[in-house]
C-alpha atoms as a PDB file:
ATOM      1  CA  UNK A   1     -50.929  36.741  49.743  1.00  0.00           C
ATOM      2  CA  UNK A   2     -50.002  37.737  45.783  1.00  0.00           C
ATOM      3  CA  UNK A   3     -51.369  37.822  42.542  1.00  0.00           C
ATOM      4  CA  UNK A   4     -50.103  36.249  39.655  1.00  0.00           C
ATOM      5  CA  UNK A   5     -50.664  36.602  35.740  1.00  0.00           C
ATOM      6  CA  UNK A   6     -49.717  34.279  33.191  1.00  0.00           C
ATOM      7  CA  UNK A   7     -50.722  34.587  29.310  1.00  0.00           C
ATOM      8  CA  UNK A   8     -49.156  34.044  25.874  1.00  0.00           C
ATOM      9  CA  UNK A   9     -47.654  36.398  23.767  1.00  0.00           C
ATOM     10  CA  UNK A  10     -47.701  36.585  20.087  1.00  0.00           C
ATOM     11  CA  UNK A  11     -45.099  39.630  18.057  1.00  0.00           C
ATOM     12  CA  UNK A  12     -44.274  43.216  18.183  1.00  0.00           C
ATOM     13  CA  UNK A  13     -47.821  44.700  17.506  1.00  0.00           C
ATOM     14  CA  UNK A  14     -48.876  43.680  20.769  1.00  0.00           C
ATOM     15  CA  UNK A  15     -46.078  45.628  22.495  1.00  0.00           C
ATOM     16  CA  UNK A  16     -48.622  48.986  23.787  1.00  0.00           C
ATOM     17  CA  UNK A  17     -50.719  46.603  24.643  1.00  0.00           C
ATOM     18  CA  UNK A  18     -48.393  44.755  26.994  1.00  0.00           C
ATOM     19  CA  UNK A  19     -46.654  48.018  28.426  1.00  0.00           C
ATOM     20  CA  UNK A  20     -50.081  48.629  29.005  1.00  0.00           C
ATOM     21  CA  UNK A  21     -51.031  45.905  30.925  1.00  0.00           C
ATOM     22  CA  UNK A  22     -47.571  45.878  33.024  1.00  0.00           C
ATOM     23  CA  UNK A  23     -47.850  49.609  33.739  1.00  0.00           C
ATOM     24  CA  UNK A  24     -51.846  49.027  35.067  1.00  0.00           C
ATOM     25  CA  UNK A  25     -51.797  45.721  37.090  1.00  0.00           C
ATOM     26  CA  UNK A  26     -48.502  46.590  38.682  1.00  0.00           C
ATOM     27  CA  UNK A  27     -49.667  47.947  42.144  1.00  0.00           C
ATOM     28  CA  UNK A  28     -51.600  44.223  42.434  1.00  0.00           C
ATOM     29  CA  UNK A  29     -49.727  42.235  40.375  1.00  0.00           C
ATOM     30  CA  UNK A  30     -46.498  40.470  42.038  1.00  0.00           C
ATOM     31  CA  UNK A  31     -45.194  38.297  38.353  1.00  0.00           C
ATOM     32  CA  UNK A  32     -45.844  38.207  35.432  1.00  0.00           C
ATOM     33  CA  UNK A  33     -45.583  34.257  33.547  1.00  0.00           C
ATOM     34  CA  UNK A  34     -45.179  35.119  29.843  1.00  0.00           C
ATOM     35  CA  UNK A  35     -44.882  32.061  27.269  1.00  0.00           C
ATOM     36  CA  UNK A  36     -43.583  32.939  24.040  1.00  0.00           C
ATOM     37  CA  UNK A  37     -44.015  29.565  21.220  1.00  0.00           C
ATOM     38  CA  UNK A  38     -42.302  29.992  17.694  1.00  0.00           C
ATOM     39  CA  UNK A  39     -45.459  29.002  15.933  1.00  0.00           C
ATOM     40  CA  UNK A  40     -48.958  30.382  16.254  1.00  0.00           C
ATOM     41  CA  UNK A  41     -52.287  27.593  17.210  1.00  0.00           C
ATOM     42  CA  UNK A  42     -52.836  27.470  14.181  1.00  0.00           C
ATOM     43  CA  UNK A  43     -49.313  25.730  13.155  1.00  0.00           C
ATOM     44  CA  UNK A  44     -47.892  29.318  10.776  1.00  0.00           C
ATOM     45  CA  UNK A  45     -44.203  30.066  12.086  1.00  0.00           C
ATOM     46  CA  UNK A  46     -44.434  32.899  13.908  1.00  0.00           C
ATOM     47  CA  UNK A  47     -40.636  33.170  15.757  1.00  0.00           C
ATOM     48  CA  UNK A  48     -39.824  34.586  19.165  1.00  0.00           C
ATOM     49  CA  UNK A  49     -40.794  38.244  19.925  1.00  0.00           C
ATOM     50  CA  UNK A  50     -41.146  39.110  23.736  1.00  0.00           C
ATOM     51  CA  UNK A  51     -37.791  39.057  25.071  1.00  0.00           C
ATOM     52  CA  UNK A  52     -37.259  41.386  22.361  1.00  0.00           C
ATOM     53  CA  UNK A  53     -39.813  43.737  23.121  1.00  0.00           C
ATOM     54  CA  UNK A  54     -38.863  43.616  26.429  1.00  0.00           C
ATOM     55  CA  UNK A  55     -35.252  44.764  25.971  1.00  0.00           C
ATOM     56  CA  UNK A  56     -36.496  48.200  25.137  1.00  0.00           C
ATOM     57  CA  UNK A  57     -36.160  50.717  28.269  1.00  0.00           C
ATOM     58  CA  UNK A  58     -40.281  50.956  28.622  1.00  0.00           C
ATOM     59  CA  UNK A  59     -39.697  47.500  30.311  1.00  0.00           C
ATOM     60  CA  UNK A  60     -36.848  47.860  32.872  1.00  0.00           C
ATOM     61  CA  UNK A  61     -38.873  48.530  35.691  1.00  0.00           C
ATOM     62  CA  UNK A  62     -40.392  45.141  35.349  1.00  0.00           C
ATOM     63  CA  UNK A  63     -37.974  43.170  33.854  1.00  0.00           C
ATOM     64  CA  UNK A  64     -37.324  41.468  37.469  1.00  0.00           C
ATOM     65  CA  UNK A  65     -41.112  40.184  37.664  1.00  0.00           C
ATOM     66  CA  UNK A  66     -41.097  38.572  34.668  1.00  0.00           C
ATOM     67  CA  UNK A  67     -40.488  34.522  33.992  1.00  0.00           C
ATOM     68  CA  UNK A  68     -40.567  34.492  29.996  1.00  0.00           C
ATOM     69  CA  UNK A  69     -40.828  30.826  28.643  1.00  0.00           C
ATOM     70  CA  UNK A  70     -40.316  29.761  25.309  1.00  0.00           C
ATOM     71  CA  UNK A  71     -41.263  26.804  23.312  1.00  0.00           C
ATOM     72  CA  UNK A  72     -39.466  26.005  19.991  1.00  0.00           C
ATOM     73  CA  UNK A  73     -41.659  22.891  18.311  1.00  0.00           C
ATOM     74  CA  UNK A  74     -44.801  22.987  16.409  1.00  0.00           C
ATOM     75  CA  UNK A  75     -47.641  21.484  18.544  1.00  0.00           C
ATOM     76  CA  UNK A  76     -50.254  21.770  16.015  1.00  0.00           C
ATOM     77  CA  UNK A  77     -47.832  20.130  12.957  1.00  0.00           C
ATOM     78  CA  UNK A  78     -46.955  17.041  15.552  1.00  0.00           C
ATOM     79  CA  UNK A  79     -49.845  16.465  17.212  1.00  0.00           C
ATOM     80  CA  UNK A  80     -51.604  16.617  13.059  1.00  0.00           C
ATOM     81  CA  UNK A  81     -48.324  14.092  12.323  1.00  0.00           C
ATOM     82  CA  UNK A  82     -48.842  12.059  15.947  1.00  0.00           C
ATOM     83  CA  UNK A  83     -52.235  11.292  14.740  1.00  0.00           C
ATOM     84  CA  UNK A  84     -51.415   9.947  11.317  1.00  0.00           C
ATOM     85  CA  UNK A  85     -48.650   7.597  12.796  1.00  0.00           C
ATOM     86  CA  UNK A  86     -50.811   6.169  14.853  1.00  0.00           C
ATOM     87  CA  UNK A  87     -53.032   4.819  11.863  1.00  0.00           C
ATOM     88  CA  UNK A  88     -50.031   3.385   9.748  1.00  0.00           C
ATOM     89  CA  UNK A  89     -51.563  -0.235  10.953  1.00  0.00           C
ATOM     90  CA  UNK A  90     -53.793  -1.762   8.230  1.00  0.00           C
ATOM     91  CA  UNK A  91     -56.807  -2.413  10.057  1.00  0.00           C
ATOM     92  CA  UNK A  92     -56.344   0.872  12.083  1.00  0.00           C
ATOM     93  CA  UNK A  93     -56.366   2.310   8.863  1.00  0.00           C
ATOM     94  CA  UNK A  94     -59.709   0.447   7.620  1.00  0.00           C
ATOM     95  CA  UNK A  95     -61.073   0.825  11.213  1.00  0.00           C
ATOM     96  CA  UNK A  96     -60.494   5.131  10.778  1.00  0.00           C
ATOM     97  CA  UNK A  97     -62.055   5.276   6.906  1.00  0.00           C
ATOM     98  CA  UNK A  98     -65.401   3.317   8.539  1.00  0.00           C
ATOM     99  CA  UNK A  99     -65.072   5.850  11.100  1.00  0.00           C
ATOM    100  CA  UNK A 100     -64.956   9.134   8.875  1.00  0.00           C
ATOM    101  CA  UNK A 101     -67.687   7.624   6.554  1.00  0.00           C
ATOM    102  CA  UNK A 102     -70.060   7.090   9.346  1.00  0.00           C
ATOM    103  CA  UNK A 103     -69.456  10.459  10.505  1.00  0.00           C
ATOM    104  CA  UNK A 104     -69.953  12.025   6.733  1.00  0.00           C
ATOM    105  CA  UNK A 105     -72.745  10.254   6.139  1.00  0.00           C
ATOM    106  CA  UNK A 106     -74.527  11.229   9.730  1.00  0.00           C
ATOM    107  CA  UNK A 107     -73.586  14.736   9.235  1.00  0.00           C
ATOM    108  CA  UNK A 108     -75.530  14.906   5.504  1.00  0.00           C
ATOM    109  CA  UNK A 109     -78.798  13.510   7.485  1.00  0.00           C
ATOM    110  CA  UNK A 110     -78.041  16.524   9.860  1.00  0.00           C
ATOM    111  CA  UNK A 111     -77.045  18.931   7.056  1.00  0.00           C
ATOM    112  CA  UNK A 112     -79.951  17.534   5.139  1.00  0.00           C
ATOM    113  CA  UNK A 113     -82.384  17.765   7.810  1.00  0.00           C
ATOM    114  CA  UNK A 114     -80.840  21.525   8.849  1.00  0.00           C
ATOM    115  CA  UNK A 115     -81.266  22.965   5.225  1.00  0.00           C
ATOM    116  CA  UNK A 116     -85.181  21.878   5.981  1.00  0.00           C
ATOM    117  CA  UNK A 117     -85.718  23.615   8.810  1.00  0.00           C
ATOM    118  CA  UNK A 118     -84.048  26.960   8.383  1.00  0.00           C
ATOM    119  CA  UNK A 119     -85.616  27.388   4.522  1.00  0.00           C
ATOM    120  CA  UNK A 120     -82.998  30.155   3.897  1.00  0.00           C
ATOM    121  CA  UNK A 121     -79.799  29.488   1.622  1.00  0.00           C
ATOM    122  CA  UNK A 122     -78.212  32.502   3.512  1.00  0.00           C
ATOM    123  CA  UNK A 123     -79.168  31.144   6.911  1.00  0.00           C
ATOM    124  CA  UNK A 124     -78.112  27.264   5.751  1.00  0.00           C
ATOM    125  CA  UNK A 125     -74.730  28.784   4.508  1.00  0.00           C
ATOM    126  CA  UNK A 126     -74.193  30.639   8.138  1.00  0.00           C
ATOM    127  CA  UNK A 127     -74.984  27.678   9.593  1.00  0.00           C
ATOM    128  CA  UNK A 128     -71.930  26.007   7.895  1.00  0.00           C
ATOM    129  CA  UNK A 129     -69.671  28.481   8.388  1.00  0.00           C
ATOM    130  CA  UNK A 130     -70.655  27.632  11.988  1.00  0.00           C
ATOM    131  CA  UNK A 131     -69.817  24.215  11.824  1.00  0.00           C
ATOM    132  CA  UNK A 132     -66.646  24.495  10.079  1.00  0.00           C
ATOM    133  CA  UNK A 133     -65.957  27.006  13.320  1.00  0.00           C
ATOM    134  CA  UNK A 134     -66.655  24.766  15.600  1.00  0.00           C
ATOM    135  CA  UNK A 135     -64.308  22.508  14.528  1.00  0.00           C
ATOM    136  CA  UNK A 136     -61.276  23.713  13.476  1.00  0.00           C
ATOM    137  CA  UNK A 137     -61.895  25.835  17.051  1.00  0.00           C
ATOM    138  CA  UNK A 138     -61.718  22.870  18.529  1.00  0.00           C
ATOM    139  CA  UNK A 139     -58.332  21.534  17.140  1.00  0.00           C
ATOM    140  CA  UNK A 140     -56.846  25.078  17.580  1.00  0.00           C
ATOM    141  CA  UNK A 141     -57.965  24.909  21.087  1.00  0.00           C
ATOM    142  CA  UNK A 142     -55.948  22.065  21.797  1.00  0.00           C
ATOM    143  CA  UNK A 143     -53.045  23.661  20.713  1.00  0.00           C
ATOM    144  CA  UNK A 144     -53.493  27.053  22.984  1.00  0.00           C
ATOM    145  CA  UNK A 145     -54.199  24.372  25.782  1.00  0.00           C
ATOM    146  CA  UNK A 146     -50.942  22.939  25.643  1.00  0.00           C
ATOM    147  CA  UNK A 147     -49.012  26.333  25.286  1.00  0.00           C
ATOM    148  CA  UNK A 148     -50.807  27.997  28.383  1.00  0.00           C
ATOM    149  CA  UNK A 149     -49.899  24.465  30.244  1.00  0.00           C
ATOM    150  CA  UNK A 150     -46.030  25.226  29.664  1.00  0.00           C
ATOM    151  CA  UNK A 151     -46.168  28.140  32.580  1.00  0.00           C
ATOM    152  CA  UNK A 152     -47.697  25.860  34.901  1.00  0.00           C
ATOM    153  CA  UNK A 153     -43.911  23.931  36.169  1.00  0.00           C
ATOM    154  CA  UNK A 154     -42.340  27.974  37.020  1.00  0.00           C
ATOM    155  CA  UNK A 155     -45.813  29.281  38.120  1.00  0.00           C
ATOM    156  CA  UNK A 156     -46.136  26.146  41.335  1.00  0.00           C
ATOM    157  CA  UNK A 157     -42.490  26.937  41.961  1.00  0.00           C
ATOM    158  CA  UNK A 158     -44.082  31.351  42.693  1.00  0.00           C
ATOM    159  CA  UNK A 159     -47.776  30.699  43.894  1.00  0.00           C
ATOM    160  CA  UNK A 160     -48.611  29.715  47.130  1.00  0.00           C
ATOM    161  CA  UNK A 161     -51.733  28.559  48.538  1.00  0.00           C
ATOM    162  CA  UNK A 162     -53.462  31.407  49.798  1.00  0.00           C
ATOM    163  CA  UNK A 163     -52.109  33.580  45.866  1.00  0.00           C
ATOM    164  CA  UNK A 164     -54.214  33.834  43.235  1.00  0.00           C
ATOM    165  CA  UNK A 165     -53.319  33.263  40.033  1.00  0.00           C
ATOM    166  CA  UNK A 166     -55.303  35.622  36.651  1.00  0.00           C
ATOM    167  CA  UNK A 167     -55.047  33.408  33.676  1.00  0.00           C
ATOM    168  CA  UNK A 168     -55.429  36.077  30.936  1.00  0.00           C
ATOM    169  CA  UNK A 169     -54.243  37.064  27.396  1.00  0.00           C
ATOM    170  CA  UNK A 170     -52.088  39.614  26.722  1.00  0.00           C
ATOM    171  CA  UNK A 171     -54.823  42.692  26.434  1.00  0.00           C
ATOM    172  CA  UNK A 172     -56.964  41.641  29.285  1.00  0.00           C
ATOM    173  CA  UNK A 173     -55.826  43.266  32.399  1.00  0.00           C
ATOM    174  CA  UNK A 174     -57.044  43.784  35.591  1.00  0.00           C
ATOM    175  CA  UNK A 175     -57.327  47.258  36.748  1.00  0.00           C
ATOM    176  CA  UNK A 176     -55.168  48.091  39.663  1.00  0.00           C
ATOM    177  CA  UNK A 177     -55.145  52.046  39.288  1.00  0.00           C
ATOM    178  CA  UNK A 178     -59.458  52.187  39.932  1.00  0.00           C
ATOM    179  CA  UNK A 179     -59.389  52.369  43.567  1.00  0.00           C
ATOM    180  CA  UNK A 180     -62.482  50.820  44.099  1.00  0.00           C
ATOM    181  CA  UNK A 181     -61.525  48.032  41.269  1.00  0.00           C
ATOM    182  CA  UNK A 182     -58.071  47.470  43.533  1.00  0.00           C
ATOM    183  CA  UNK A 183     -59.740  47.500  46.643  1.00  0.00           C
ATOM    184  CA  UNK A 184     -62.341  44.905  45.483  1.00  0.00           C
ATOM    185  CA  UNK A 185     -59.847  42.878  44.023  1.00  0.00           C
ATOM    186  CA  UNK A 186     -57.907  43.351  47.385  1.00  0.00           C
ATOM    187  CA  UNK A 187     -60.873  41.543  49.587  1.00  0.00           C
ATOM    188  CA  UNK A 188     -61.479  38.755  47.008  1.00  0.00           C
ATOM    189  CA  UNK A 189     -57.745  37.552  47.820  1.00  0.00           C
ATOM    190  CA  UNK A 190     -57.072  38.693  51.151  1.00  0.00           C
ATOM    191  CA  UNK A 191     -56.278  35.809  53.191  1.00  0.00           C
ATOM    192  CA  UNK A 192     -56.694  33.320  50.690  1.00  0.00           C
ATOM    193  CA  UNK A 193     -60.019  34.388  49.354  1.00  0.00           C
ATOM    194  CA  UNK A 194     -63.698  33.514  50.285  1.00  0.00           C
ATOM    195  CA  UNK A 195     -63.577  32.077  46.909  1.00  0.00           C
ATOM    196  CA  UNK A 196     -61.020  29.792  45.196  1.00  0.00           C
ATOM    197  CA  UNK A 197     -62.469  29.899  41.400  1.00  0.00           C
ATOM    198  CA  UNK A 198     -63.806  33.133  40.264  1.00  0.00           C
ATOM    199  CA  UNK A 199     -64.935  34.552  37.006  1.00  0.00           C
ATOM    200  CA  UNK A 200     -64.070  38.470  36.966  1.00  0.00           C
ATOM    201  CA  UNK A 201     -66.001  40.985  34.042  1.00  0.00           C
ATOM    202  CA  UNK A 202     -64.525  42.205  31.681  1.00  0.00           C
ATOM    203  CA  UNK A 203     -65.481  44.492  29.136  1.00  0.00           C
ATOM    204  CA  UNK A 204     -64.433  45.115  25.945  1.00  0.00           C
ATOM    205  CA  UNK A 205     -63.060  47.647  23.454  1.00  0.00           C
ATOM    206  CA  UNK A 206     -62.132  46.600  19.610  1.00  0.00           C
ATOM    207  CA  UNK A 207     -59.827  48.277  17.576  1.00  0.00           C
ATOM    208  CA  UNK A 208     -59.306  50.983  19.601  1.00  0.00           C
ATOM    209  CA  UNK A 209     -58.800  51.964  22.881  1.00  0.00           C
ATOM    210  CA  UNK A 210     -62.223  54.274  23.642  1.00  0.00           C
ATOM    211  CA  UNK A 211     -64.200  51.830  21.216  1.00  0.00           C
ATOM    212  CA  UNK A 212     -66.746  50.285  23.038  1.00  0.00           C
ATOM    213  CA  UNK A 213     -68.455  47.046  22.586  1.00  0.00           C
ATOM    214  CA  UNK A 214     -71.426  47.672  24.509  1.00  0.00           C
ATOM    215  CA  UNK A 215     -73.585  44.226  24.607  1.00  0.00           C
ATOM    216  CA  UNK A 216     -70.677  42.901  25.351  1.00  0.00           C
ATOM    217  CA  UNK A 217     -69.880  40.794  28.571  1.00  0.00           C
ATOM    218  CA  UNK A 218     -67.349  38.047  29.189  1.00  0.00           C
ATOM    219  CA  UNK A 219     -65.207  36.675  32.114  1.00  0.00           C
ATOM    220  CA  UNK A 220     -61.372  36.147  33.041  1.00  0.00           C
ATOM    221  CA  UNK A 221     -60.749  33.385  35.902  1.00  0.00           C
ATOM    222  CA  UNK A 222     -58.555  34.159  39.114  1.00  0.00           C
ATOM    223  CA  UNK A 223     -57.929  31.047  40.768  1.00  0.00           C
ATOM    224  CA  UNK A 224     -56.136  30.454  44.377  1.00  0.00           C
ATOM    225  CA  UNK A 225     -52.783  28.581  44.258  1.00  0.00           C
ATOM    226  CA  UNK A 226     -54.704  25.622  46.453  1.00  0.00           C
ATOM    227  CA  UNK A 227     -57.103  25.437  43.947  1.00  0.00           C
ATOM    228  CA  UNK A 228     -54.427  24.724  41.253  1.00  0.00           C
ATOM    229  CA  UNK A 229     -52.774  21.692  43.636  1.00  0.00           C
ATOM    230  CA  UNK A 230     -56.142  20.095  44.318  1.00  0.00           C
ATOM    231  CA  UNK A 231     -56.894  19.831  40.508  1.00  0.00           C
ATOM    232  CA  UNK A 232     -53.348  18.828  38.810  1.00  0.00           C
ATOM    233  CA  UNK A 233     -54.874  17.725  35.687  1.00  0.00           C
ATOM    234  CA  UNK A 234     -57.328  21.527  35.386  1.00  0.00           C
ATOM    235  CA  UNK A 235     -55.648  22.895  32.380  1.00  0.00           C
ATOM    236  CA  UNK A 236     -55.265  26.486  32.100  1.00  0.00           C
ATOM    237  CA  UNK A 237     -57.300  27.049  29.507  1.00  0.00           C
ATOM    238  CA  UNK A 238     -60.137  24.545  30.549  1.00  0.00           C
ATOM    239  CA  UNK A 239     -59.866  26.913  34.227  1.00  0.00           C
ATOM    240  CA  UNK A 240     -60.207  30.159  31.248  1.00  0.00           C
ATOM    241  CA  UNK A 241     -63.825  27.811  29.747  1.00  0.00           C
ATOM    242  CA  UNK A 242     -65.668  26.657  33.156  1.00  0.00           C
ATOM    243  CA  UNK A 243     -69.054  28.075  34.563  1.00  0.00           C
ATOM    244  CA  UNK A 244     -68.003  26.511  37.611  1.00  0.00           C
ATOM    245  CA  UNK A 245     -66.792  29.307  39.218  1.00  0.00           C
ATOM    246  CA  UNK A 246     -68.444  32.193  41.047  1.00  0.00           C
ATOM    247  CA  UNK A 247     -68.635  35.527  39.386  1.00  0.00           C
ATOM    248  CA  UNK A 248     -68.353  38.149  42.632  1.00  0.00           C
ATOM    249  CA  UNK A 249     -70.630  41.768  42.024  1.00  0.00           C
ATOM    250  CA  UNK A 250     -68.444  44.563  41.525  1.00  0.00           C
ATOM    251  CA  UNK A 251     -70.082  47.747  40.485  1.00  0.00           C
ATOM    252  CA  UNK A 252     -67.680  48.422  37.545  1.00  0.00           C
ATOM    253  CA  UNK A 253     -65.771  45.990  35.618  1.00  0.00           C
ATOM    254  CA  UNK A 254     -62.369  44.499  37.390  1.00  0.00           C
ATOM    255  CA  UNK A 255     -61.069  43.804  33.831  1.00  0.00           C
ATOM    256  CA  UNK A 256     -60.630  45.657  30.558  1.00  0.00           C
ATOM    257  CA  UNK A 257     -60.028  43.964  27.365  1.00  0.00           C
ATOM    258  CA  UNK A 258     -58.399  45.965  23.844  1.00  0.00           C
ATOM    259  CA  UNK A 259     -58.321  43.821  21.690  1.00  0.00           C
ATOM    260  CA  UNK A 260     -56.959  43.834  17.710  1.00  0.00           C
ATOM    261  CA  UNK A 261     -56.167  47.841  19.202  1.00  0.00           C
ATOM    262  CA  UNK A 262     -52.849  47.828  16.565  1.00  0.00           C
ATOM    263  CA  UNK A 263     -51.833  49.985  13.896  1.00  0.00           C
ATOM    264  CA  UNK A 264     -52.847  48.483  10.604  1.00  0.00           C
ATOM    265  CA  UNK A 265     -49.517  46.721   9.926  1.00  0.00           C
ATOM    266  CA  UNK A 266     -49.502  44.920  13.382  1.00  0.00           C
ATOM    267  CA  UNK A 267     -53.425  43.569  12.403  1.00  0.00           C
ATOM    268  CA  UNK A 268     -52.755  42.524   9.257  1.00  0.00           C
ATOM    269  CA  UNK A 269     -49.737  40.912  10.121  1.00  0.00           C
ATOM    270  CA  UNK A 270     -51.862  39.116  12.959  1.00  0.00           C
ATOM    271  CA  UNK A 271     -54.686  38.174  10.383  1.00  0.00           C
ATOM    272  CA  UNK A 272     -52.441  36.168   9.017  1.00  0.00           C
ATOM    273  CA  UNK A 273     -52.138  33.689  11.819  1.00  0.00           C
ATOM    274  CA  UNK A 274     -54.155  34.450  14.519  1.00  0.00           C
ATOM    275  CA  UNK A 275     -57.219  31.770  15.509  1.00  0.00           C
ATOM    276  CA  UNK A 276     -60.008  34.815  15.686  1.00  0.00           C
ATOM    277  CA  UNK A 277     -59.175  35.897  12.470  1.00  0.00           C
ATOM    278  CA  UNK A 278     -57.917  32.664  10.476  1.00  0.00           C
ATOM    279  CA  UNK A 279     -62.214  32.220   9.863  1.00  0.00           C
ATOM    280  CA  UNK A 280     -62.646  35.873   8.488  1.00  0.00           C
ATOM    281  CA  UNK A 281     -62.541  36.761   5.010  1.00  0.00           C
ATOM    282  CA  UNK A 282     -59.856  40.065   4.724  1.00  0.00           C
ATOM    283  CA  UNK A 283     -62.942  42.067   2.660  1.00  0.00           C
ATOM    284  CA  UNK A 284     -64.710  41.366   6.064  1.00  0.00           C
ATOM    285  CA  UNK A 285     -62.094  42.425   8.368  1.00  0.00           C
ATOM    286  CA  UNK A 286     -62.008  46.165   5.900  1.00  0.00           C
ATOM    287  CA  UNK A 287     -65.460  46.470   5.954  1.00  0.00           C
ATOM    288  CA  UNK A 288     -65.988  46.039  10.033  1.00  0.00           C
ATOM    289  CA  UNK A 289     -63.361  49.146  10.392  1.00  0.00           C
ATOM    290  CA  UNK A 290     -65.501  50.684   8.058  1.00  0.00           C
ATOM    291  CA  UNK A 291     -68.412  50.356   9.623  1.00  0.00           C
ATOM    292  CA  UNK A 292     -67.357  49.900  13.140  1.00  0.00           C
ATOM    293  CA  UNK A 293     -68.500  46.573  13.944  1.00  0.00           C
ATOM    294  CA  UNK A 294     -67.081  43.329  15.173  1.00  0.00           C
ATOM    295  CA  UNK A 295     -66.185  40.592  12.329  1.00  0.00           C
ATOM    296  CA  UNK A 296     -69.071  38.509  14.066  1.00  0.00           C
ATOM    297  CA  UNK A 297     -67.534  35.512  14.370  1.00  0.00           C
ATOM    298  CA  UNK A 298     -69.003  32.992  13.536  1.00  0.00           C
ATOM    299  CA  UNK A 299     -71.668  33.507  10.728  1.00  0.00           C
ATOM    300  CA  UNK A 300     -75.258  32.927  12.997  1.00  0.00           C
ATOM    301  CA  UNK A 301     -73.824  35.125  15.438  1.00  0.00           C
ATOM    302  CA  UNK A 302     -74.773  38.956  15.266  1.00  0.00           C
ATOM    303  CA  UNK A 303     -72.179  41.480  14.341  1.00  0.00           C
ATOM    304  CA  UNK A 304     -72.080  43.559  17.700  1.00  0.00           C
ATOM    305  CA  UNK A 305     -71.972  47.351  16.836  1.00  0.00           C
ATOM    306  CA  UNK A 306     -69.406  49.238  18.717  1.00  0.00           C
ATOM    307  CA  UNK A 307     -69.419  52.799  19.783  1.00  0.00           C
ATOM    308  CA  UNK A 308     -66.457  55.554  20.534  1.00  0.00           C
ATOM    309  CA  UNK A 309     -67.256  56.712  24.068  1.00  0.00           C
ATOM    310  CA  UNK A 310     -65.402  59.430  25.894  1.00  0.00           C
ATOM    311  CA  UNK A 311     -62.800  59.032  27.974  1.00  0.00           C
ATOM    312  CA  UNK A 312     -64.390  60.871  31.171  1.00  0.00           C
ATOM    313  CA  UNK A 313     -67.227  59.309  30.805  1.00  0.00           C
ATOM    314  CA  UNK A 314     -66.016  55.924  30.282  1.00  0.00           C
ATOM    315  CA  UNK A 315     -64.511  53.499  32.647  1.00  0.00           C
ATOM    316  CA  UNK A 316     -60.621  53.577  32.013  1.00  0.00           C
ATOM    317  CA  UNK A 317     -57.484  52.952  33.415  1.00  0.00           C
ATOM    318  CA  UNK A 318     -55.599  56.245  34.136  1.00  0.00           C
ATOM    319  CA  UNK A 319     -52.539  54.430  32.272  1.00  0.00           C
ATOM    320  CA  UNK A 320     -54.781  54.614  29.471  1.00  0.00           C
ATOM    321  CA  UNK A 321     -56.322  57.892  29.884  1.00  0.00           C
ATOM    322  CA  UNK A 322     -52.824  59.677  30.313  1.00  0.00           C
ATOM    323  CA  UNK A 323     -51.236  58.108  26.971  1.00  0.00           C
ATOM    324  CA  UNK A 324     -54.476  57.949  24.673  1.00  0.00           C
ATOM    325  CA  UNK A 325     -53.190  60.029  22.419  1.00  0.00           C
ATOM    326  CA  UNK A 326     -50.068  57.555  21.691  1.00  0.00           C
ATOM    327  CA  UNK A 327     -52.050  54.450  22.122  1.00  0.00           C
ATOM    328  CA  UNK A 328     -54.842  55.409  19.808  1.00  0.00           C
ATOM    329  CA  UNK A 329     -54.717  53.327  16.766  1.00  0.00           C
ATOM    330  CA  UNK A 330     -57.045  55.570  14.365  1.00  0.00           C
ATOM    331  CA  UNK A 331     -57.955  52.037  12.329  1.00  0.00           C
ATOM    332  CA  UNK A 332     -61.935  52.814  11.997  1.00  0.00           C
ATOM    333  CA  UNK A 333     -63.184  55.413   9.450  1.00  0.00           C
ATOM    334  CA  UNK A 334     -63.992  58.366  10.925  1.00  0.00           C
ATOM    335  CA  UNK A 335     -67.206  58.445   8.820  1.00  0.00           C
ATOM    336  CA  UNK A 336     -68.351  55.232  10.089  1.00  0.00           C
ATOM    337  CA  UNK A 337     -72.002  56.518  10.837  1.00  0.00           C
ATOM    338  CA  UNK A 338     -72.545  57.221   7.098  1.00  0.00           C
ATOM    339  CA  UNK A 339     -71.210  54.090   6.070  1.00  0.00           C
ATOM    340  CA  UNK A 340     -73.613  52.219   8.300  1.00  0.00           C
ATOM    341  CA  UNK A 341     -76.692  54.141   6.717  1.00  0.00           C
ATOM    342  CA  UNK A 342     -75.110  53.312   3.384  1.00  0.00           C
ATOM    343  CA  UNK A 343     -74.615  49.608   3.580  1.00  0.00           C
ATOM    344  CA  UNK A 344     -77.290  48.739   6.148  1.00  0.00           C
ATOM    345  CA  UNK A 345     -80.431  51.237   5.522  1.00  0.00           C
ATOM    346  CA  UNK A 346     -82.934  49.205   6.713  1.00  0.00           C
ATOM    347  CA  UNK A 347     -81.109  49.042  10.469  1.00  0.00           C
ATOM    348  CA  UNK A 348     -79.932  53.183  10.180  1.00  0.00           C
ATOM    349  CA  UNK A 349     -81.875  55.393   8.137  1.00  0.00           C
END
């Protein structure tokens, strides 16, 4: 039995998170499959970066256990263009135009009903923000789905029926360093495992490595090789989103997410093309760092307040504890508590 890990890589700002991932997972994960596309999910050029990052001596002990899959074409733009080509004929154009008019009319009626129900300009604008997010995000998710599946062929050459695949992001890390977590993962995957499709609980730290989202729990899939072979048309991205999976109990989270734990330069670079941040105004990002809160995407969802947790009181892998002085980003304003009182006196007075 072996555990494998597959994820996307964006740019050099993710270097420290990647190094943490490899070090923390190393005792459990046999091989990593990294997809490095030249274009982002939003269609913006970013270039290839992961090979250059892996050339550094810090990564030398992992290189023989890494497969890099590079993709040069702009899937997002090509997909948009193909949809246009399919509508070059007059009948298709008429049908397409009528369909758009019908959707437009239905949407206006829907929005008018919503406006009367919400009875608040602020809430209605937030609802429109949500609608824009859902529409645009579906397009971006199709692109991400395509990029994630680029590793499928290479993975199937490695993964046996009794092996397991962790379908992750670069900042989602299996905890193979906390003994109880490592033992739980070994029990769940031993001899092909009792469950073939699992959702592992993760905790999220945002902006900095000890900055915990105290209200958010989410999941990352661990799926058996036999399940992948029996469901060849099941996209990796859909497996990440499926609710049809077992969530095994563990007293501690088995996965840690270190979201946007980059220096400011890297964060702003990612802001220019990252899907999540593309729905956020730069001013909102700066305010979030000033207040130590999630950017709250999209509009109607509550903005999560974050809190720094001392390492000795937090469940963290040894790598993070031992390297924290070098990892810490310092992105969040140290006076964020005072800033909260200033901006939201009704909540923090």
